[in-house]
Amino acid sequence: MELDIAIDGWPDGTDWDRLAEQAHEATAQVEPALANPRLTASLLFTSDEEVHVLNREWRGKDKPTNVLSFPMLEREDLLALGPEGPPEMLGDLALAYSTCAREAEEKGASLADHATHLIVHGLLHLAGHDHVDSDEQAEAMEALEIAALAKLGIADPYGDRN
């Protein structure tokens, strides 16, 4: 999968592009559908204000949030997608800087680790995983997140699993 990454308003000093690529690589190891070379996705590191606008416009929620995911393929279509053929847009992600920074501080995590977690979380949403319909669904998605993050040496962000 190819990530189209744009960075606007996030601090210098961290290679956000490399961090996003590493998050994708780890996520593709636990969700092989994300390794399909035909897939493309966009990732926007942006401001809370921009995410607020997107959240209001596309989800009807008048507030910023940490990460937004806009999938463009149904899970069944993703799983049926062969490796040969034209590019297919998987979807878009947007991360809100101030919300992510505040959450990282509250959790006692680095901004880089928290952003990595949110990218993994968002990519799993793009791949058709969710956590809102049932506890089982949430546990399955969390397990994939934890496994991907472990590949990067990042501790369980939920703190309740090994």
N, C-alpha and C. Protein backbone atom coordinates (compact mmCIF):
# COMPACT_ATOMS: atom_id res chain seq x y z
N MET A 1 0.85 -1.18 0.00
CA MET A 1 0.00 0.00 0.00
C MET A 1 0.89 1.24 0.00
N GLU A 2 0.47 2.21 -0.73
CA GLU A 2 1.18 3.48 -0.76
C GLU A 2 0.41 4.51 0.06
N LEU A 3 1.14 5.19 0.95
CA LEU A 3 0.56 6.26 1.75
C LEU A 3 0.94 7.61 1.16
N ASP A 4 -0.05 8.44 0.95
CA ASP A 4 0.18 9.83 0.54
C ASP A 4 0.06 10.66 1.80
N ILE A 5 1.17 11.18 2.29
CA ILE A 5 1.23 11.83 3.60
C ILE A 5 1.41 13.34 3.43
N ALA A 6 0.58 14.09 4.14
CA ALA A 6 0.70 15.55 4.18
C ALA A 6 0.79 15.97 5.65
N ILE A 7 1.69 16.91 5.92
CA ILE A 7 1.91 17.35 7.30
C ILE A 7 1.72 18.86 7.36
N ASP A 8 0.78 19.28 8.21
CA ASP A 8 0.46 20.69 8.33
C ASP A 8 0.22 21.03 9.80
N GLY A 9 1.16 21.71 10.42
CA GLY A 9 0.96 22.16 11.79
C GLY A 9 1.43 21.20 12.86
N TRP A 10 2.14 20.15 12.48
CA TRP A 10 2.72 19.25 13.48
C TRP A 10 4.16 19.68 13.69
N PRO A 11 4.69 19.49 14.90
CA PRO A 11 6.03 20.01 15.20
C PRO A 11 7.15 19.30 14.43
N ASP A 12 8.19 20.08 14.15
CA ASP A 12 9.41 19.50 13.58
C ASP A 12 10.09 18.67 14.66
N GLY A 13 11.07 17.90 14.25
CA GLY A 13 11.83 17.10 15.22
C GLY A 13 11.46 15.64 15.21
N THR A 14 10.35 15.30 14.58
CA THR A 14 9.95 13.91 14.41
C THR A 14 9.73 13.67 12.92
N ASP A 15 10.22 12.55 12.44
CA ASP A 15 10.01 12.19 11.04
C ASP A 15 8.63 11.55 10.92
N TRP A 16 7.60 12.38 10.79
CA TRP A 16 6.22 11.91 10.77
C TRP A 16 5.97 10.99 9.57
N ASP A 17 6.63 11.27 8.44
CA ASP A 17 6.48 10.39 7.28
C ASP A 17 6.96 8.98 7.61
N ARG A 18 8.15 8.88 8.17
CA ARG A 18 8.71 7.56 8.50
C ARG A 18 7.86 6.87 9.57
N LEU A 19 7.42 7.62 10.57
CA LEU A 19 6.56 7.06 11.61
C LEU A 19 5.30 6.46 10.99
N ALA A 20 4.69 7.17 10.05
CA ALA A 20 3.47 6.67 9.40
C ALA A 20 3.76 5.42 8.58
N GLU A 21 4.87 5.41 7.87
CA GLU A 21 5.24 4.23 7.07
C GLU A 21 5.48 3.02 7.97
N GLN A 22 6.15 3.23 9.10
CA GLN A 22 6.39 2.13 10.04
C GLN A 22 5.07 1.64 10.63
N ALA A 23 4.17 2.55 10.95
CA ALA A 23 2.86 2.15 11.48
C ALA A 23 2.12 1.31 10.45
N HIS A 24 2.19 1.73 9.19
CA HIS A 24 1.53 0.94 8.13
C HIS A 24 2.16 -0.44 8.01
N GLU A 25 3.48 -0.51 7.98
CA GLU A 25 4.17 -1.80 7.84
C GLU A 25 3.78 -2.76 8.96
N ALA A 26 3.74 -2.27 10.19
CA ALA A 26 3.37 -3.11 11.33
C ALA A 26 1.90 -3.53 11.24
N THR A 27 1.04 -2.62 10.81
CA THR A 27 -0.38 -2.94 10.71
C THR A 27 -0.62 -3.97 9.61
N ALA A 28 0.12 -3.86 8.52
CA ALA A 28 -0.03 -4.82 7.42
C ALA A 28 0.42 -6.22 7.85
N GLN A 29 1.27 -6.31 8.84
CA GLN A 29 1.69 -7.62 9.35
C GLN A 29 0.57 -8.31 10.12
N VAL A 30 -0.30 -7.55 10.74
CA VAL A 30 -1.40 -8.15 11.49
C VAL A 30 -2.71 -8.12 10.71
N GLU A 31 -2.77 -7.30 9.66
CA GLU A 31 -3.94 -7.22 8.77
C GLU A 31 -3.39 -7.27 7.34
N PRO A 32 -3.15 -8.50 6.83
CA PRO A 32 -2.49 -8.65 5.53
C PRO A 32 -3.18 -7.96 4.36
N ALA A 33 -4.47 -7.69 4.45
CA ALA A 33 -5.15 -7.00 3.36
C ALA A 33 -4.52 -5.63 3.10
N LEU A 34 -3.89 -5.04 4.11
CA LEU A 34 -3.27 -3.73 3.96
C LEU A 34 -1.92 -3.79 3.25
N ALA A 35 -1.45 -4.99 2.93
CA ALA A 35 -0.19 -5.13 2.21
C ALA A 35 -0.39 -5.15 0.70
N ASN A 36 -1.63 -5.10 0.24
CA ASN A 36 -1.91 -5.15 -1.18
C ASN A 36 -1.25 -3.97 -1.89
N PRO A 37 -0.39 -4.25 -2.89
CA PRO A 37 0.34 -3.16 -3.56
C PRO A 37 -0.54 -2.22 -4.38
N ARG A 38 -1.78 -2.61 -4.64
CA ARG A 38 -2.68 -1.75 -5.41
C ARG A 38 -3.28 -0.63 -4.57
N LEU A 39 -3.25 -0.78 -3.26
CA LEU A 39 -3.93 0.17 -2.38
C LEU A 39 -3.16 1.47 -2.22
N THR A 40 -3.92 2.54 -2.12
CA THR A 40 -3.39 3.84 -1.73
C THR A 40 -4.29 4.39 -0.63
N ALA A 41 -3.70 5.21 0.20
CA ALA A 41 -4.46 5.89 1.26
C ALA A 41 -3.78 7.23 1.52
N SER A 42 -4.57 8.19 1.96
CA SER A 42 -3.99 9.48 2.33
C SER A 42 -4.02 9.63 3.84
N LEU A 43 -3.00 10.29 4.35
CA LEU A 43 -2.88 10.55 5.77
C LEU A 43 -2.51 12.01 5.95
N LEU A 44 -3.37 12.73 6.65
CA LEU A 44 -3.16 14.15 6.90
C LEU A 44 -2.89 14.37 8.38
N PHE A 45 -1.69 14.86 8.68
CA PHE A 45 -1.36 15.34 10.02
C PHE A 45 -1.77 16.80 10.01
N THR A 46 -2.77 17.19 10.80
CA THR A 46 -3.30 18.55 10.69
C THR A 46 -3.71 19.10 12.05
N SER A 47 -4.42 20.19 12.02
CA SER A 47 -4.84 20.88 13.24
C SER A 47 -6.18 20.36 13.75
N ASP A 48 -6.45 20.65 15.00
CA ASP A 48 -7.76 20.34 15.57
C ASP A 48 -8.87 21.07 14.81
N GLU A 49 -8.58 22.28 14.39
CA GLU A 49 -9.59 23.07 13.68
C GLU A 49 -10.00 22.37 12.38
N GLU A 50 -9.03 21.87 11.64
CA GLU A 50 -9.33 21.19 10.39
C GLU A 50 -10.10 19.89 10.65
N VAL A 51 -9.69 19.13 11.64
CA VAL A 51 -10.39 17.88 11.97
C VAL A 51 -11.80 18.19 12.46
N HIS A 52 -11.96 19.29 13.20
CA HIS A 52 -13.28 19.71 13.66
C HIS A 52 -14.20 19.94 12.46
N VAL A 53 -13.71 20.65 11.47
CA VAL A 53 -14.50 20.92 10.26
C VAL A 53 -14.87 19.61 9.57
N LEU A 54 -13.90 18.72 9.40
CA LEU A 54 -14.16 17.43 8.76
C LEU A 54 -15.16 16.59 9.55
N ASN A 55 -15.00 16.59 10.86
CA ASN A 55 -15.89 15.81 11.73
C ASN A 55 -17.32 16.34 11.65
N ARG A 56 -17.45 17.65 11.63
CA ARG A 56 -18.79 18.26 11.54
C ARG A 56 -19.41 17.98 10.16
N GLU A 57 -18.62 18.18 9.12
CA GLU A 57 -19.13 18.04 7.76
C GLU A 57 -19.48 16.59 7.40
N TRP A 58 -18.63 15.64 7.80
CA TRP A 58 -18.80 14.27 7.33
C TRP A 58 -19.43 13.33 8.35
N ARG A 59 -19.34 13.68 9.64
CA ARG A 59 -19.88 12.78 10.66
C ARG A 59 -20.97 13.43 11.50
N GLY A 60 -21.22 14.73 11.28
CA GLY A 60 -22.26 15.42 12.02
C GLY A 60 -21.91 15.64 13.48
N LYS A 61 -20.61 15.60 13.82
CA LYS A 61 -20.17 15.82 15.20
C LYS A 61 -19.40 17.12 15.25
N ASP A 62 -19.91 18.06 16.02
CA ASP A 62 -19.37 19.42 16.04
C ASP A 62 -18.26 19.56 17.08
N LYS A 63 -17.18 18.80 16.88
CA LYS A 63 -16.02 18.86 17.77
C LYS A 63 -14.85 18.19 17.08
N PRO A 64 -13.64 18.52 17.53
CA PRO A 64 -12.49 17.79 17.00
C PRO A 64 -12.42 16.40 17.63
N THR A 65 -11.64 15.55 17.04
CA THR A 65 -11.38 14.22 17.58
C THR A 65 -9.94 13.89 17.25
N ASN A 66 -9.41 12.82 17.80
CA ASN A 66 -8.00 12.52 17.60
C ASN A 66 -7.69 12.05 16.17
N VAL A 67 -8.48 11.12 15.65
CA VAL A 67 -8.26 10.61 14.30
C VAL A 67 -9.60 10.38 13.62
N LEU A 68 -9.66 10.72 12.35
CA LEU A 68 -10.83 10.44 11.53
C LEU A 68 -10.42 9.47 10.44
N SER A 69 -11.29 8.52 10.16
CA SER A 69 -11.08 7.55 9.09
C SER A 69 -12.23 7.62 8.12
N PHE A 70 -11.89 7.69 6.85
CA PHE A 70 -12.90 7.74 5.79
C PHE A 70 -12.64 6.61 4.80
N PRO A 71 -13.16 5.41 5.10
CA PRO A 71 -12.93 4.27 4.20
C PRO A 71 -13.67 4.45 2.88
N MET A 72 -13.05 3.94 1.82
CA MET A 72 -13.65 4.03 0.49
C MET A 72 -13.93 2.67 -0.11
N LEU A 73 -13.53 1.61 0.58
CA LEU A 73 -13.81 0.25 0.14
C LEU A 73 -14.53 -0.50 1.25
N GLU A 74 -15.48 -1.30 0.88
CA GLU A 74 -16.10 -2.21 1.85
C GLU A 74 -15.10 -3.33 2.15
N ARG A 75 -15.17 -3.89 3.34
CA ARG A 75 -14.24 -4.95 3.72
C ARG A 75 -14.25 -6.10 2.72
N GLU A 76 -15.43 -6.50 2.27
CA GLU A 76 -15.52 -7.62 1.33
C GLU A 76 -14.79 -7.29 0.03
N ASP A 77 -14.92 -6.05 -0.45
CA ASP A 77 -14.23 -5.63 -1.67
C ASP A 77 -12.71 -5.60 -1.46
N LEU A 78 -12.29 -5.15 -0.28
CA LEU A 78 -10.87 -5.13 0.04
C LEU A 78 -10.30 -6.54 0.02
N LEU A 79 -11.00 -7.46 0.68
CA LEU A 79 -10.50 -8.84 0.76
C LEU A 79 -10.49 -9.53 -0.60
N ALA A 80 -11.38 -9.12 -1.50
CA ALA A 80 -11.45 -9.73 -2.83
C ALA A 80 -10.47 -9.09 -3.82
N LEU A 81 -9.83 -8.01 -3.43
CA LEU A 81 -8.96 -7.27 -4.32
C LEU A 81 -7.66 -8.03 -4.56
N GLY A 82 -7.41 -8.39 -5.81
CA GLY A 82 -6.17 -9.07 -6.15
C GLY A 82 -5.01 -8.09 -6.24
N PRO A 83 -3.78 -8.62 -6.31
CA PRO A 83 -2.60 -7.75 -6.34
C PRO A 83 -2.34 -7.10 -7.69
N GLU A 84 -2.97 -7.57 -8.74
CA GLU A 84 -2.76 -7.02 -10.08
C GLU A 84 -3.91 -6.10 -10.46
N GLY A 85 -3.59 -5.01 -11.16
CA GLY A 85 -4.61 -4.10 -11.63
C GLY A 85 -4.30 -2.67 -11.26
N PRO A 86 -5.24 -1.79 -11.55
CA PRO A 86 -5.01 -0.37 -11.27
C PRO A 86 -5.05 -0.07 -9.78
N PRO A 87 -4.53 1.08 -9.38
CA PRO A 87 -4.58 1.47 -7.97
C PRO A 87 -6.02 1.59 -7.48
N GLU A 88 -6.21 1.28 -6.21
CA GLU A 88 -7.51 1.41 -5.55
C GLU A 88 -7.32 2.25 -4.30
N MET A 89 -8.16 3.27 -4.17
CA MET A 89 -8.10 4.14 -2.99
C MET A 89 -8.79 3.46 -1.82
N LEU A 90 -8.03 3.17 -0.77
CA LEU A 90 -8.58 2.55 0.42
C LEU A 90 -9.34 3.58 1.26
N GLY A 91 -8.80 4.80 1.37
CA GLY A 91 -9.47 5.82 2.15
C GLY A 91 -8.52 6.89 2.64
N ASP A 92 -9.05 7.72 3.53
CA ASP A 92 -8.32 8.88 4.06
C ASP A 92 -8.31 8.84 5.58
N LEU A 93 -7.22 9.33 6.15
CA LEU A 93 -7.08 9.50 7.60
C LEU A 93 -6.68 10.94 7.89
N ALA A 94 -7.13 11.46 9.01
CA ALA A 94 -6.71 12.79 9.46
C ALA A 94 -6.47 12.73 10.97
N LEU A 95 -5.30 13.21 11.40
CA LEU A 95 -4.94 13.26 12.81
C LEU A 95 -4.88 14.72 13.27
N ALA A 96 -5.49 15.01 14.41
CA ALA A 96 -5.55 16.36 14.97
C ALA A 96 -4.44 16.55 15.99
N TYR A 97 -3.54 17.50 15.72
CA TYR A 97 -2.36 17.68 16.55
C TYR A 97 -2.67 17.95 18.03
N SER A 98 -3.42 18.98 18.33
CA SER A 98 -3.62 19.36 19.75
C SER A 98 -4.31 18.26 20.54
N THR A 99 -5.30 17.62 19.94
CA THR A 99 -5.98 16.52 20.63
C THR A 99 -5.02 15.37 20.88
N CYS A 100 -4.24 15.02 19.86
CA CYS A 100 -3.27 13.93 20.02
C CYS A 100 -2.23 14.26 21.09
N ALA A 101 -1.73 15.50 21.07
CA ALA A 101 -0.72 15.90 22.05
C ALA A 101 -1.29 15.87 23.46
N ARG A 102 -2.51 16.37 23.63
CA ARG A 102 -3.14 16.37 24.95
C ARG A 102 -3.36 14.93 25.44
N GLU A 103 -3.88 14.07 24.57
CA GLU A 103 -4.12 12.67 24.96
C GLU A 103 -2.81 11.97 25.32
N ALA A 104 -1.75 12.22 24.54
CA ALA A 104 -0.47 11.59 24.83
C ALA A 104 0.02 12.00 26.23
N GLU A 105 -0.10 13.28 26.53
CA GLU A 105 0.31 13.76 27.85
C GLU A 105 -0.53 13.12 28.95
N GLU A 106 -1.83 13.05 28.75
CA GLU A 106 -2.72 12.43 29.75
C GLU A 106 -2.38 10.96 29.98
N LYS A 107 -1.95 10.28 28.93
CA LYS A 107 -1.63 8.85 29.02
C LYS A 107 -0.19 8.60 29.48
N GLY A 108 0.60 9.66 29.53
CA GLY A 108 2.01 9.50 29.87
C GLY A 108 2.79 8.85 28.74
N ALA A 109 2.33 9.04 27.51
CA ALA A 109 2.98 8.47 26.34
C ALA A 109 3.63 9.58 25.53
N SER A 110 4.58 9.21 24.71
CA SER A 110 5.16 10.20 23.81
C SER A 110 4.15 10.50 22.71
N LEU A 111 4.26 11.69 22.13
CA LEU A 111 3.39 12.05 21.02
C LEU A 111 3.61 11.08 19.85
N ALA A 112 4.84 10.71 19.61
CA ALA A 112 5.14 9.79 18.50
C ALA A 112 4.45 8.44 18.71
N ASP A 113 4.53 7.89 19.93
CA ASP A 113 3.88 6.60 20.19
C ASP A 113 2.36 6.70 20.08
N HIS A 114 1.80 7.78 20.60
CA HIS A 114 0.35 7.94 20.54
C HIS A 114 -0.12 8.14 19.10
N ALA A 115 0.62 8.94 18.34
CA ALA A 115 0.27 9.13 16.92
C ALA A 115 0.38 7.81 16.17
N THR A 116 1.39 7.02 16.47
CA THR A 116 1.53 5.70 15.84
C THR A 116 0.30 4.85 16.14
N HIS A 117 -0.12 4.84 17.40
CA HIS A 117 -1.31 4.07 17.78
C HIS A 117 -2.52 4.54 16.98
N LEU A 118 -2.69 5.84 16.86
CA LEU A 118 -3.86 6.36 16.16
C LEU A 118 -3.81 6.06 14.66
N ILE A 119 -2.61 6.03 14.08
CA ILE A 119 -2.48 5.65 12.68
C ILE A 119 -2.86 4.18 12.50
N VAL A 120 -2.36 3.33 13.38
CA VAL A 120 -2.72 1.91 13.34
C VAL A 120 -4.23 1.76 13.47
N HIS A 121 -4.81 2.44 14.43
CA HIS A 121 -6.25 2.40 14.66
C HIS A 121 -7.01 2.84 13.41
N GLY A 122 -6.59 3.95 12.83
CA GLY A 122 -7.24 4.46 11.63
C GLY A 122 -7.10 3.52 10.44
N LEU A 123 -5.92 2.94 10.26
CA LEU A 123 -5.72 2.00 9.15
C LEU A 123 -6.61 0.77 9.31
N LEU A 124 -6.78 0.31 10.54
CA LEU A 124 -7.67 -0.83 10.76
C LEU A 124 -9.12 -0.45 10.44
N HIS A 125 -9.51 0.77 10.75
CA HIS A 125 -10.85 1.23 10.33
C HIS A 125 -10.96 1.22 8.81
N LEU A 126 -9.94 1.71 8.12
CA LEU A 126 -9.98 1.70 6.66
C LEU A 126 -10.09 0.28 6.11
N ALA A 127 -9.53 -0.68 6.84
CA ALA A 127 -9.57 -2.08 6.42
C ALA A 127 -10.88 -2.76 6.80
N GLY A 128 -11.81 -2.00 7.39
CA GLY A 128 -13.12 -2.55 7.69
C GLY A 128 -13.33 -3.03 9.11
N HIS A 129 -12.37 -2.80 9.97
CA HIS A 129 -12.53 -3.18 11.38
C HIS A 129 -13.24 -2.05 12.11
N ASP A 130 -13.97 -2.42 13.16
CA ASP A 130 -14.66 -1.41 13.94
C ASP A 130 -14.73 -1.86 15.39
N HIS A 131 -15.25 -1.00 16.24
CA HIS A 131 -15.29 -1.29 17.67
C HIS A 131 -16.58 -0.78 18.33
N VAL A 132 -17.58 -0.46 17.53
CA VAL A 132 -18.77 0.17 18.10
C VAL A 132 -19.97 -0.75 18.24
N ASP A 133 -20.01 -1.83 17.49
CA ASP A 133 -21.21 -2.67 17.49
C ASP A 133 -21.25 -3.72 18.60
N SER A 134 -20.07 -4.14 19.07
CA SER A 134 -20.07 -5.18 20.11
C SER A 134 -18.75 -5.18 20.87
N ASP A 135 -18.78 -5.75 22.06
CA ASP A 135 -17.55 -5.90 22.84
C ASP A 135 -16.57 -6.82 22.12
N GLU A 136 -17.08 -7.85 21.48
CA GLU A 136 -16.22 -8.80 20.77
C GLU A 136 -15.49 -8.09 19.63
N GLN A 137 -16.23 -7.25 18.91
CA GLN A 137 -15.65 -6.48 17.81
C GLN A 137 -14.55 -5.55 18.35
N ALA A 138 -14.83 -4.88 19.45
CA ALA A 138 -13.86 -3.97 20.05
C ALA A 138 -12.62 -4.72 20.52
N GLU A 139 -12.81 -5.87 21.15
CA GLU A 139 -11.68 -6.67 21.63
C GLU A 139 -10.83 -7.16 20.47
N ALA A 140 -11.46 -7.56 19.38
CA ALA A 140 -10.71 -8.04 18.21
C ALA A 140 -9.88 -6.91 17.61
N MET A 141 -10.47 -5.73 17.50
CA MET A 141 -9.73 -4.60 16.93
C MET A 141 -8.59 -4.18 17.86
N GLU A 142 -8.85 -4.13 19.16
CA GLU A 142 -7.80 -3.79 20.11
C GLU A 142 -6.65 -4.79 20.05
N ALA A 143 -6.97 -6.07 19.91
CA ALA A 143 -5.92 -7.09 19.82
C ALA A 143 -5.03 -6.86 18.61
N LEU A 144 -5.62 -6.47 17.48
CA LEU A 144 -4.83 -6.17 16.29
C LEU A 144 -3.95 -4.93 16.52
N GLU A 145 -4.49 -3.93 17.16
CA GLU A 145 -3.72 -2.72 17.47
C GLU A 145 -2.54 -3.06 18.36
N ILE A 146 -2.80 -3.80 19.41
CA ILE A 146 -1.76 -4.18 20.37
C ILE A 146 -0.66 -4.98 19.67
N ALA A 147 -1.05 -5.92 18.80
CA ALA A 147 -0.07 -6.74 18.08
C ALA A 147 0.77 -5.89 17.14
N ALA A 148 0.14 -4.97 16.42
CA ALA A 148 0.89 -4.10 15.50
C ALA A 148 1.86 -3.22 16.28
N LEU A 149 1.40 -2.62 17.36
CA LEU A 149 2.25 -1.74 18.16
C LEU A 149 3.40 -2.50 18.80
N ALA A 150 3.16 -3.74 19.21
CA ALA A 150 4.22 -4.55 19.80
C ALA A 150 5.35 -4.77 18.80
N LYS A 151 5.02 -4.89 17.52
CA LYS A 151 6.04 -5.05 16.49
C LYS A 151 6.95 -3.82 16.40
N LEU A 152 6.47 -2.69 16.89
CA LEU A 152 7.24 -1.45 16.89
C LEU A 152 7.84 -1.14 18.26
N GLY A 153 7.66 -2.05 19.22
CA GLY A 153 8.18 -1.85 20.56
C GLY A 153 7.37 -0.87 21.38
N ILE A 154 6.11 -0.66 20.99
CA ILE A 154 5.23 0.26 21.72
C ILE A 154 4.31 -0.56 22.63
N ALA A 155 4.25 -0.17 23.88
CA ALA A 155 3.46 -0.90 24.88
C ALA A 155 1.97 -0.84 24.57
N ASP A 156 1.25 -1.79 25.11
CA ASP A 156 -0.21 -1.87 25.00
C ASP A 156 -0.83 -0.55 25.45
N PRO A 157 -1.48 0.17 24.53
CA PRO A 157 -2.05 1.46 24.91
C PRO A 157 -3.28 1.34 25.79
N TYR A 158 -3.84 0.15 25.87
CA TYR A 158 -5.02 -0.06 26.69
C TYR A 158 -4.65 -0.51 28.09
N GLY A 159 -3.42 -0.99 28.25
CA GLY A 159 -2.89 -1.33 29.57
C GLY A 159 -3.51 -2.52 30.24
N ASP A 160 -4.29 -3.31 29.51
CA ASP A 160 -4.97 -4.42 30.17
C ASP A 160 -4.68 -5.76 29.50
N ARG A 161 -3.68 -5.79 28.63
CA ARG A 161 -3.31 -7.04 27.98
C ARG A 161 -1.80 -7.18 28.00
N ASN A 162 -1.33 -8.39 27.80
CA ASN A 162 0.11 -8.64 27.71
C ASN A 162 0.58 -8.56 26.29
